[in-house]
Amino acid sequence: MGPERWQTLYVLTAYANAEGQCWPKQETVVQALGVTRKAAKVYYVKLPLA
């Protein structure tokens, strides 16, 4: 897993509840990563599914 995916996973876990669910706004993720919406979407889509 590349650094972009690790960063995306890290940002998402920062917003996760006790059950592991997270629903941050896309703009929140974009700002946390410091990337465009398009880049954030690409990173998210490439995350492995459990």
N, C-alpha and C. Protein backbone atom coordinates (compact mmCIF):
# COMPACT_ATOMS: atom_id res chain seq x y z
N MET A 1 0.86 -1.17 0.00
CA MET A 1 0.00 0.00 0.00
C MET A 1 0.91 1.23 0.00
N GLY A 2 0.66 2.15 -0.92
CA GLY A 2 1.49 3.34 -1.03
C GLY A 2 1.17 4.39 0.03
N PRO A 3 1.98 5.43 0.10
CA PRO A 3 1.80 6.46 1.13
C PRO A 3 0.48 7.20 1.03
N GLU A 4 -0.02 7.39 -0.18
CA GLU A 4 -1.30 8.10 -0.32
C GLU A 4 -2.44 7.32 0.32
N ARG A 5 -2.41 6.01 0.15
CA ARG A 5 -3.47 5.18 0.74
C ARG A 5 -3.34 5.12 2.25
N TRP A 6 -2.11 5.05 2.77
CA TRP A 6 -1.92 5.06 4.22
C TRP A 6 -2.43 6.37 4.81
N GLN A 7 -2.12 7.49 4.16
CA GLN A 7 -2.58 8.79 4.65
C GLN A 7 -4.10 8.87 4.64
N THR A 8 -4.71 8.37 3.59
CA THR A 8 -6.16 8.38 3.48
C THR A 8 -6.78 7.52 4.57
N LEU A 9 -6.24 6.35 4.79
CA LEU A 9 -6.72 5.47 5.84
C LEU A 9 -6.57 6.12 7.21
N TYR A 10 -5.46 6.78 7.43
CA TYR A 10 -5.22 7.47 8.70
C TYR A 10 -6.27 8.56 8.94
N VAL A 11 -6.54 9.35 7.90
CA VAL A 11 -7.54 10.42 8.03
C VAL A 11 -8.92 9.81 8.33
N LEU A 12 -9.28 8.76 7.63
CA LEU A 12 -10.58 8.14 7.86
C LEU A 12 -10.69 7.56 9.27
N THR A 13 -9.63 6.94 9.77
CA THR A 13 -9.70 6.38 11.12
C THR A 13 -9.81 7.47 12.18
N ALA A 14 -9.34 8.66 11.89
CA ALA A 14 -9.46 9.76 12.83
C ALA A 14 -10.92 10.13 13.06
N TYR A 15 -11.79 9.78 12.13
CA TYR A 15 -13.22 10.10 12.23
C TYR A 15 -14.08 8.87 12.52
N ALA A 16 -13.46 7.74 12.80
CA ALA A 16 -14.20 6.49 13.03
C ALA A 16 -14.77 6.44 14.44
N ASN A 17 -15.94 5.80 14.55
CA ASN A 17 -16.53 5.60 15.87
C ASN A 17 -16.05 4.26 16.43
N ALA A 18 -16.58 3.85 17.56
CA ALA A 18 -16.14 2.61 18.23
C ALA A 18 -16.37 1.37 17.37
N GLU A 19 -17.34 1.42 16.46
CA GLU A 19 -17.63 0.29 15.57
C GLU A 19 -16.80 0.33 14.29
N GLY A 20 -15.96 1.35 14.15
CA GLY A 20 -15.13 1.46 12.95
C GLY A 20 -15.81 2.15 11.79
N GLN A 21 -16.98 2.71 12.02
CA GLN A 21 -17.70 3.43 10.96
C GLN A 21 -17.25 4.89 10.95
N CYS A 22 -17.10 5.44 9.76
CA CYS A 22 -16.76 6.86 9.67
C CYS A 22 -17.44 7.46 8.44
N TRP A 23 -17.88 8.67 8.60
CA TRP A 23 -18.59 9.35 7.53
C TRP A 23 -18.16 10.82 7.44
N PRO A 24 -16.84 11.09 7.32
CA PRO A 24 -16.45 12.49 7.19
C PRO A 24 -16.88 13.05 5.84
N LYS A 25 -17.10 14.33 5.80
CA LYS A 25 -17.43 14.97 4.52
C LYS A 25 -16.21 14.88 3.60
N GLN A 26 -16.48 14.83 2.32
CA GLN A 26 -15.40 14.74 1.35
C GLN A 26 -14.46 15.94 1.50
N GLU A 27 -15.00 17.09 1.74
CA GLU A 27 -14.18 18.29 1.89
C GLU A 27 -13.26 18.18 3.10
N THR A 28 -13.72 17.52 4.15
CA THR A 28 -12.89 17.30 5.33
C THR A 28 -11.68 16.45 4.98
N VAL A 29 -11.90 15.40 4.23
CA VAL A 29 -10.81 14.51 3.81
C VAL A 29 -9.86 15.26 2.88
N VAL A 30 -10.40 16.03 1.95
CA VAL A 30 -9.59 16.80 1.01
C VAL A 30 -8.67 17.75 1.77
N GLN A 31 -9.23 18.47 2.73
CA GLN A 31 -8.43 19.43 3.49
C GLN A 31 -7.38 18.73 4.34
N ALA A 32 -7.74 17.62 4.96
CA ALA A 32 -6.79 16.88 5.80
C ALA A 32 -5.62 16.32 4.98
N LEU A 33 -5.91 15.89 3.76
CA LEU A 33 -4.87 15.33 2.90
C LEU A 33 -4.10 16.41 2.14
N GLY A 34 -4.73 17.58 1.97
CA GLY A 34 -4.09 18.65 1.22
C GLY A 34 -4.02 18.36 -0.27
N VAL A 35 -5.08 17.71 -0.77
CA VAL A 35 -5.13 17.35 -2.19
C VAL A 35 -6.45 17.82 -2.79
N THR A 36 -6.61 17.60 -4.09
CA THR A 36 -7.87 17.94 -4.76
C THR A 36 -8.92 16.88 -4.46
N ARG A 37 -10.18 17.21 -4.74
CA ARG A 37 -11.26 16.23 -4.58
C ARG A 37 -11.02 15.00 -5.45
N LYS A 38 -10.56 15.24 -6.65
CA LYS A 38 -10.31 14.13 -7.58
C LYS A 38 -9.24 13.19 -7.02
N ALA A 39 -8.17 13.74 -6.50
CA ALA A 39 -7.10 12.91 -5.93
C ALA A 39 -7.61 12.14 -4.71
N ALA A 40 -8.37 12.80 -3.85
CA ALA A 40 -8.89 12.12 -2.66
C ALA A 40 -9.80 10.96 -3.06
N LYS A 41 -10.60 11.16 -4.09
CA LYS A 41 -11.48 10.09 -4.55
C LYS A 41 -10.67 8.90 -5.08
N VAL A 42 -9.62 9.18 -5.83
CA VAL A 42 -8.75 8.12 -6.35
C VAL A 42 -8.12 7.35 -5.19
N TYR A 43 -7.63 8.06 -4.19
CA TYR A 43 -7.02 7.40 -3.03
C TYR A 43 -8.04 6.52 -2.33
N TYR A 44 -9.25 7.03 -2.14
CA TYR A 44 -10.30 6.28 -1.45
C TYR A 44 -10.68 5.01 -2.22
N VAL A 45 -10.85 5.14 -3.51
CA VAL A 45 -11.26 4.00 -4.33
C VAL A 45 -10.19 2.90 -4.30
N LYS A 46 -8.94 3.28 -4.15
CA LYS A 46 -7.86 2.31 -4.15
C LYS A 46 -7.63 1.64 -2.79
N LEU A 47 -8.35 2.07 -1.75
CA LEU A 47 -8.19 1.43 -0.44
C LEU A 47 -8.69 0.00 -0.50
N PRO A 48 -7.98 -0.92 0.16
CA PRO A 48 -8.44 -2.30 0.18
C PRO A 48 -9.70 -2.43 1.04
N LEU A 49 -10.59 -3.26 0.61
CA LEU A 49 -11.82 -3.50 1.38
C LEU A 49 -11.60 -4.69 2.30
N ALA A 50 -12.08 -4.57 3.51
CA ALA A 50 -11.91 -5.68 4.47
C ALA A 50 -12.98 -6.72 4.27
